[in-house]
Amino acid sequence: MRSILVTLAVGNRTGSELLALFERVIVASATPRGCSIHHLSAD
């Protein structure tokens, strides 16, 4: 299984709700392709 590391930052005008949306989209896109997603979080 392939694996990728994803980092997303919350910045000016980017709230935590948008960060959660990005995470869901990335996971939904990668899962059918057999990729394992690992992410780092600042919280």
PDB file of N, CA and C in Angstrom:
ATOM      1  N   MET A   1       0.844  -1.178   0.000  1.00  0.00           N
ATOM      2  CA  MET A   1       0.000   0.000   0.000  1.00  0.00           C
ATOM      3  C   MET A   1       0.886   1.236   0.000  1.00  0.00           C
ATOM      4  N   ARG A   2       0.555   2.176  -0.841  1.00  0.00           N
ATOM      5  CA  ARG A   2       1.287   3.444  -0.877  1.00  0.00           C
ATOM      6  C   ARG A   2       0.844   4.313   0.282  1.00  0.00           C
ATOM      7  N   SER A   3       1.724   5.186   0.684  1.00  0.00           N
ATOM      8  CA  SER A   3       1.444   6.067   1.804  1.00  0.00           C
ATOM      9  C   SER A   3       1.917   7.470   1.457  1.00  0.00           C
ATOM     10  N   ILE A   4       1.131   8.473   1.840  1.00  0.00           N
ATOM     11  CA  ILE A   4       1.545   9.861   1.659  1.00  0.00           C
ATOM     12  C   ILE A   4       1.359  10.607   2.975  1.00  0.00           C
ATOM     13  N   LEU A   5       2.158  11.625   3.163  1.00  0.00           N
ATOM     14  CA  LEU A   5       2.071  12.482   4.337  1.00  0.00           C
ATOM     15  C   LEU A   5       1.481  13.810   3.895  1.00  0.00           C
ATOM     16  N   VAL A   6       0.443  14.246   4.582  1.00  0.00           N
ATOM     17  CA  VAL A   6      -0.235  15.493   4.236  1.00  0.00           C
ATOM     18  C   VAL A   6      -0.171  16.423   5.438  1.00  0.00           C
ATOM     19  N   THR A   7       0.215  17.664   5.204  1.00  0.00           N
ATOM     20  CA  THR A   7       0.175  18.672   6.259  1.00  0.00           C
ATOM     21  C   THR A   7      -0.695  19.824   5.781  1.00  0.00           C
ATOM     22  N   LEU A   8      -1.579  20.257   6.623  1.00  0.00           N
ATOM     23  CA  LEU A   8      -2.457  21.383   6.316  1.00  0.00           C
ATOM     24  C   LEU A   8      -2.322  22.396   7.445  1.00  0.00           C
ATOM     25  N   ALA A   9      -2.289  23.650   7.085  1.00  0.00           N
ATOM     26  CA  ALA A   9      -2.132  24.702   8.089  1.00  0.00           C
ATOM     27  C   ALA A   9      -3.377  25.569   8.149  1.00  0.00           C
ATOM     28  N   VAL A  10      -3.744  25.952   9.337  1.00  0.00           N
ATOM     29  CA  VAL A  10      -4.835  26.894   9.535  1.00  0.00           C
ATOM     30  C   VAL A  10      -4.200  28.269   9.642  1.00  0.00           C
ATOM     31  N   GLY A  11      -4.625  29.155   8.782  1.00  0.00           N
ATOM     32  CA  GLY A  11      -4.040  30.487   8.776  1.00  0.00           C
ATOM     33  C   GLY A  11      -5.101  31.563   8.729  1.00  0.00           C
ATOM     34  N   ASN A  12      -4.729  32.690   8.216  1.00  0.00           N
ATOM     35  CA  ASN A  12      -5.623  33.831   8.118  1.00  0.00           C
ATOM     36  C   ASN A  12      -6.857  33.465   7.300  1.00  0.00           C
ATOM     37  N   ARG A  13      -8.023  33.571   7.920  1.00  0.00           N
ATOM     38  CA  ARG A  13      -9.316  33.291   7.281  1.00  0.00           C
ATOM     39  C   ARG A  13      -9.519  31.819   6.932  1.00  0.00           C
ATOM     40  N   THR A  14      -8.724  30.928   7.479  1.00  0.00           N
ATOM     41  CA  THR A  14      -8.916  29.496   7.274  1.00  0.00           C
ATOM     42  C   THR A  14      -9.215  28.886   8.633  1.00  0.00           C
ATOM     43  N   GLY A  15     -10.475  28.604   8.873  1.00  0.00           N
ATOM     44  CA  GLY A  15     -10.870  28.056  10.162  1.00  0.00           C
ATOM     45  C   GLY A  15     -10.715  26.558  10.228  1.00  0.00           C
ATOM     46  N   SER A  16     -10.879  26.033  11.418  1.00  0.00           N
ATOM     47  CA  SER A  16     -10.729  24.592  11.627  1.00  0.00           C
ATOM     48  C   SER A  16     -11.778  23.796  10.870  1.00  0.00           C
ATOM     49  N   GLU A  17     -12.954  24.385  10.617  1.00  0.00           N
ATOM     50  CA  GLU A  17     -13.982  23.674   9.847  1.00  0.00           C
ATOM     51  C   GLU A  17     -13.535  23.464   8.400  1.00  0.00           C
ATOM     52  N   LEU A  18     -12.786  24.392   7.843  1.00  0.00           N
ATOM     53  CA  LEU A  18     -12.260  24.233   6.487  1.00  0.00           C
ATOM     54  C   LEU A  18     -11.143  23.195   6.470  1.00  0.00           C
ATOM     55  N   LEU A  19     -10.346  23.164   7.502  1.00  0.00           N
ATOM     56  CA  LEU A  19      -9.295  22.159   7.632  1.00  0.00           C
ATOM     57  C   LEU A  19      -9.906  20.756   7.653  1.00  0.00           C
ATOM     58  N   ALA A  20     -10.980  20.573   8.393  1.00  0.00           N
ATOM     59  CA  ALA A  20     -11.661  19.274   8.451  1.00  0.00           C
ATOM     60  C   ALA A  20     -12.203  18.884   7.079  1.00  0.00           C
ATOM     61  N   LEU A  21     -12.708  19.845   6.333  1.00  0.00           N
ATOM     62  CA  LEU A  21     -13.206  19.576   4.981  1.00  0.00           C
ATOM     63  C   LEU A  21     -12.068  19.118   4.071  1.00  0.00           C
ATOM     64  N   PHE A  22     -10.938  19.809   4.116  1.00  0.00           N
ATOM     65  CA  PHE A  22      -9.778  19.408   3.308  1.00  0.00           C
ATOM     66  C   PHE A  22      -9.360  17.976   3.632  1.00  0.00           C
ATOM     67  N   GLU A  23      -9.330  17.641   4.924  1.00  0.00           N
ATOM     68  CA  GLU A  23      -8.939  16.288   5.326  1.00  0.00           C
ATOM     69  C   GLU A  23      -9.893  15.244   4.755  1.00  0.00           C
ATOM     70  N   ARG A  24     -11.199  15.514   4.820  1.00  0.00           N
ATOM     71  CA  ARG A  24     -12.184  14.554   4.289  1.00  0.00           C
ATOM     72  C   ARG A  24     -12.038  14.381   2.784  1.00  0.00           C
ATOM     73  N   VAL A  25     -11.799  15.458   2.064  1.00  0.00           N
ATOM     74  CA  VAL A  25     -11.640  15.380   0.608  1.00  0.00           C
ATOM     75  C   VAL A  25     -10.386  14.585   0.245  1.00  0.00           C
ATOM     76  N   ILE A  26      -9.294  14.832   0.939  1.00  0.00           N
ATOM     77  CA  ILE A  26      -8.046  14.118   0.655  1.00  0.00           C
ATOM     78  C   ILE A  26      -8.211  12.629   0.919  1.00  0.00           C
ATOM     79  N   VAL A  27      -8.801  12.273   2.042  1.00  0.00           N
ATOM     80  CA  VAL A  27      -9.004  10.858   2.368  1.00  0.00           C
ATOM     81  C   VAL A  27      -9.947  10.207   1.364  1.00  0.00           C
ATOM     82  N   ALA A  28     -11.029  10.885   1.011  1.00  0.00           N
ATOM     83  CA  ALA A  28     -11.982  10.326   0.049  1.00  0.00           C
ATOM     84  C   ALA A  28     -11.346  10.133  -1.323  1.00  0.00           C
ATOM     85  N   SER A  29     -10.427  10.992  -1.700  1.00  0.00           N
ATOM     86  CA  SER A  29      -9.757  10.872  -2.997  1.00  0.00           C
ATOM     87  C   SER A  29      -8.700   9.777  -2.998  1.00  0.00           C
ATOM     88  N   ALA A  30      -8.028   9.594  -1.897  1.00  0.00           N
ATOM     89  CA  ALA A  30      -6.916   8.646  -1.840  1.00  0.00           C
ATOM     90  C   ALA A  30      -7.359   7.211  -1.571  1.00  0.00           C
ATOM     91  N   THR A  31      -8.407   7.021  -0.805  1.00  0.00           N
ATOM     92  CA  THR A  31      -8.829   5.682  -0.401  1.00  0.00           C
ATOM     93  C   THR A  31      -9.107   4.757  -1.582  1.00  0.00           C
ATOM     94  N   PRO A  32      -9.863   5.168  -2.602  1.00  0.00           N
ATOM     95  CA  PRO A  32     -10.105   4.262  -3.732  1.00  0.00           C
ATOM     96  C   PRO A  32      -8.836   3.915  -4.515  1.00  0.00           C
ATOM     97  N   ARG A  33      -7.799   4.705  -4.354  1.00  0.00           N
ATOM     98  CA  ARG A  33      -6.545   4.476  -5.073  1.00  0.00           C
ATOM     99  C   ARG A  33      -5.559   3.644  -4.257  1.00  0.00           C
ATOM    100  N   GLY A  34      -5.984   3.166  -3.102  1.00  0.00           N
ATOM    101  CA  GLY A  34      -5.137   2.313  -2.280  1.00  0.00           C
ATOM    102  C   GLY A  34      -4.038   3.044  -1.538  1.00  0.00           C
ATOM    103  N   CYS A  35      -4.236   4.326  -1.269  1.00  0.00           N
ATOM    104  CA  CYS A  35      -3.235   5.105  -0.536  1.00  0.00           C
ATOM    105  C   CYS A  35      -3.621   5.201   0.937  1.00  0.00           C
ATOM    106  N   SER A  36      -2.625   5.130   1.779  1.00  0.00           N
ATOM    107  CA  SER A  36      -2.807   5.350   3.203  1.00  0.00           C
ATOM    108  C   SER A  36      -2.424   6.796   3.488  1.00  0.00           C
ATOM    109  N   ILE A  37      -3.259   7.504   4.209  1.00  0.00           N
ATOM    110  CA  ILE A  37      -3.022   8.921   4.480  1.00  0.00           C
ATOM    111  C   ILE A  37      -2.542   9.096   5.915  1.00  0.00           C
ATOM    112  N   HIS A  38      -1.452   9.813   6.078  1.00  0.00           N
ATOM    113  CA  HIS A  38      -0.940  10.182   7.394  1.00  0.00           C
ATOM    114  C   HIS A  38      -0.911  11.703   7.428  1.00  0.00           C
ATOM    115  N   HIS A  39      -1.399  12.289   8.501  1.00  0.00           N
ATOM    116  CA  HIS A  39      -1.383  13.748   8.563  1.00  0.00           C
ATOM    117  C   HIS A  39      -0.858  14.223   9.906  1.00  0.00           C
ATOM    118  N   LEU A  40      -0.295  15.411   9.867  1.00  0.00           N
ATOM    119  CA  LEU A  40       0.209  16.065  11.059  1.00  0.00           C
ATOM    120  C   LEU A  40      -0.751  17.174  11.422  1.00  0.00           C
ATOM    121  N   SER A  41      -0.956  17.362  12.694  1.00  0.00           N
ATOM    122  CA  SER A  41      -1.861  18.401  13.150  1.00  0.00           C
ATOM    123  C   SER A  41      -1.163  19.247  14.200  1.00  0.00           C
ATOM    124  N   ALA A  42      -1.443  20.532  14.177  1.00  0.00           N
ATOM    125  CA  ALA A  42      -0.823  21.442  15.133  1.00  0.00           C
ATOM    126  C   ALA A  42      -1.542  21.437  16.478  1.00  0.00           C
ATOM    127  N   ASP A  43      -2.721  20.812  16.549  1.00  0.00           N
ATOM    128  CA  ASP A  43      -3.470  20.849  17.810  1.00  0.00           C
ATOM    129  C   ASP A  43      -3.234  19.664  18.682  1.00  0.00           C
TER     130      ASP A  43
END
